Amino acid sequence: MNPILRIEHLTKVYPNGVQALTDVSFDVPRGQFVAVIGLSGSGKSTLLRCINRLVEPT
C-alpha cells in the first residue's frame, strides 16, 4: 500500500549553521495517525514547516 506521506533523507541546516534536522526518513500509512513529540528545540516545528514548505529543506 502506498503511504499518504513519505519523507526521505530530510535535512535542514539554517544559514547560521544550526543543523535542525539530519537525514529524517519515515512513512505515514493511509488511515494512520502520527504524533510528533520531543524535547524543546529538537526540530518538531522545523519538521512540520518543511513538510508544508514554509521553509525549504537543505
C-alpha atoms as a PDB file:
ATOM      1  CA  MET A   1       0.000   0.000   0.000  1.00  0.00           C
ATOM      2  CA  ASN A   2       1.290   3.483  -0.828  1.00  0.00           C
ATOM      3  CA  PRO A   3       1.855   5.807   2.137  1.00  0.00           C
ATOM      4  CA  ILE A   4      -0.067   9.068   2.296  1.00  0.00           C
ATOM      5  CA  LEU A   5       3.182  10.808   3.266  1.00  0.00           C
ATOM      6  CA  ARG A   6       6.776   9.741   2.670  1.00  0.00           C
ATOM      7  CA  ILE A   7       9.766  11.710   3.941  1.00  0.00           C
ATOM      8  CA  GLU A   8      13.185  10.586   2.720  1.00  0.00           C
ATOM      9  CA  HIS A   9      16.547  11.932   3.881  1.00  0.00           C
ATOM     10  CA  LEU A  10      15.195  15.302   5.041  1.00  0.00           C
ATOM     11  CA  THR A  11      17.900  17.634   6.340  1.00  0.00           C
ATOM     12  CA  LYS A  12      17.635  21.281   7.359  1.00  0.00           C
ATOM     13  CA  VAL A  13      20.608  23.487   8.162  1.00  0.00           C
ATOM     14  CA  TYR A  14      19.864  27.143   8.899  1.00  0.00           C
ATOM     15  CA  PRO A  15      22.091  29.918   7.466  1.00  0.00           C
ATOM     16  CA  ASN A  16      23.727  30.413  10.886  1.00  0.00           C
ATOM     17  CA  GLY A  17      24.987  26.800  10.769  1.00  0.00           C
ATOM     18  CA  VAL A  18      22.442  25.258  13.153  1.00  0.00           C
ATOM     19  CA  GLN A  19      21.556  21.765  11.949  1.00  0.00           C
ATOM     20  CA  ALA A  20      17.894  21.346  12.897  1.00  0.00           C
ATOM     21  CA  LEU A  21      17.175  18.045  11.101  1.00  0.00           C
ATOM     22  CA  THR A  22      19.587  15.358   9.947  1.00  0.00           C
ATOM     23  CA  ASP A  23      18.590  12.634   7.460  1.00  0.00           C
ATOM     24  CA  VAL A  24      14.985  12.186   8.685  1.00  0.00           C
ATOM     25  CA  SER A  25      13.008   9.455   6.903  1.00  0.00           C
ATOM     26  CA  PHE A  26       9.593   7.944   7.630  1.00  0.00           C
ATOM     27  CA  ASP A  27       6.307   6.863   6.015  1.00  0.00           C
ATOM     28  CA  VAL A  28       2.786   7.601   7.198  1.00  0.00           C
ATOM     29  CA  PRO A  29       0.431   4.845   6.038  1.00  0.00           C
ATOM     30  CA  ARG A  30      -3.009   5.819   4.793  1.00  0.00           C
ATOM     31  CA  GLY A  31      -5.544   5.809   7.650  1.00  0.00           C
ATOM     32  CA  GLN A  32      -2.929   6.141  10.402  1.00  0.00           C
ATOM     33  CA  PHE A  33      -2.310   8.952  12.862  1.00  0.00           C
ATOM     34  CA  VAL A  34       1.131  10.299  13.712  1.00  0.00           C
ATOM     35  CA  ALA A  35       2.244  12.319  16.725  1.00  0.00           C
ATOM     36  CA  VAL A  36       5.458  14.332  16.660  1.00  0.00           C
ATOM     37  CA  ILE A  37       6.833  14.572  20.191  1.00  0.00           C
ATOM     38  CA  GLY A  38      10.175  15.592  21.612  1.00  0.00           C
ATOM     39  CA  LEU A  39      12.089  18.000  23.774  1.00  0.00           C
ATOM     40  CA  SER A  40      12.122  21.730  23.202  1.00  0.00           C
ATOM     41  CA  GLY A  41      14.481  22.550  20.353  1.00  0.00           C
ATOM     42  CA  SER A  42      14.531  19.017  18.947  1.00  0.00           C
ATOM     43  CA  GLY A  43      13.201  20.008  15.497  1.00  0.00           C
ATOM     44  CA  LYS A  44       9.464  19.283  15.703  1.00  0.00           C
ATOM     45  CA  SER A  45       8.373  22.659  14.336  1.00  0.00           C
ATOM     46  CA  THR A  46      11.104  22.639  11.706  1.00  0.00           C
ATOM     47  CA  LEU A  47       9.956  19.198  10.535  1.00  0.00           C
ATOM     48  CA  LEU A  48       6.362  20.378  10.153  1.00  0.00           C
ATOM     49  CA  ARG A  49       7.445  23.603   8.433  1.00  0.00           C
ATOM     50  CA  CYS A  50       9.495  21.581   5.949  1.00  0.00           C
ATOM     51  CA  ILE A  51       6.585  19.218   5.274  1.00  0.00           C
ATOM     52  CA  ASN A  52       4.217  22.076   4.421  1.00  0.00           C
ATOM     53  CA  ARG A  53       7.004  24.009   2.651  1.00  0.00           C
ATOM     54  CA  LEU A  54       7.027  27.040   4.919  1.00  0.00           C
ATOM     55  CA  VAL A  55      10.810  26.548   4.995  1.00  0.00           C
ATOM     56  CA  GLU A  56      12.919  24.850   2.333  1.00  0.00           C
ATOM     57  CA  PRO A  57      14.880  21.741   3.281  1.00  0.00           C
ATOM     58  CA  THR A  58      18.625  21.930   2.760  1.00  0.00           C
END
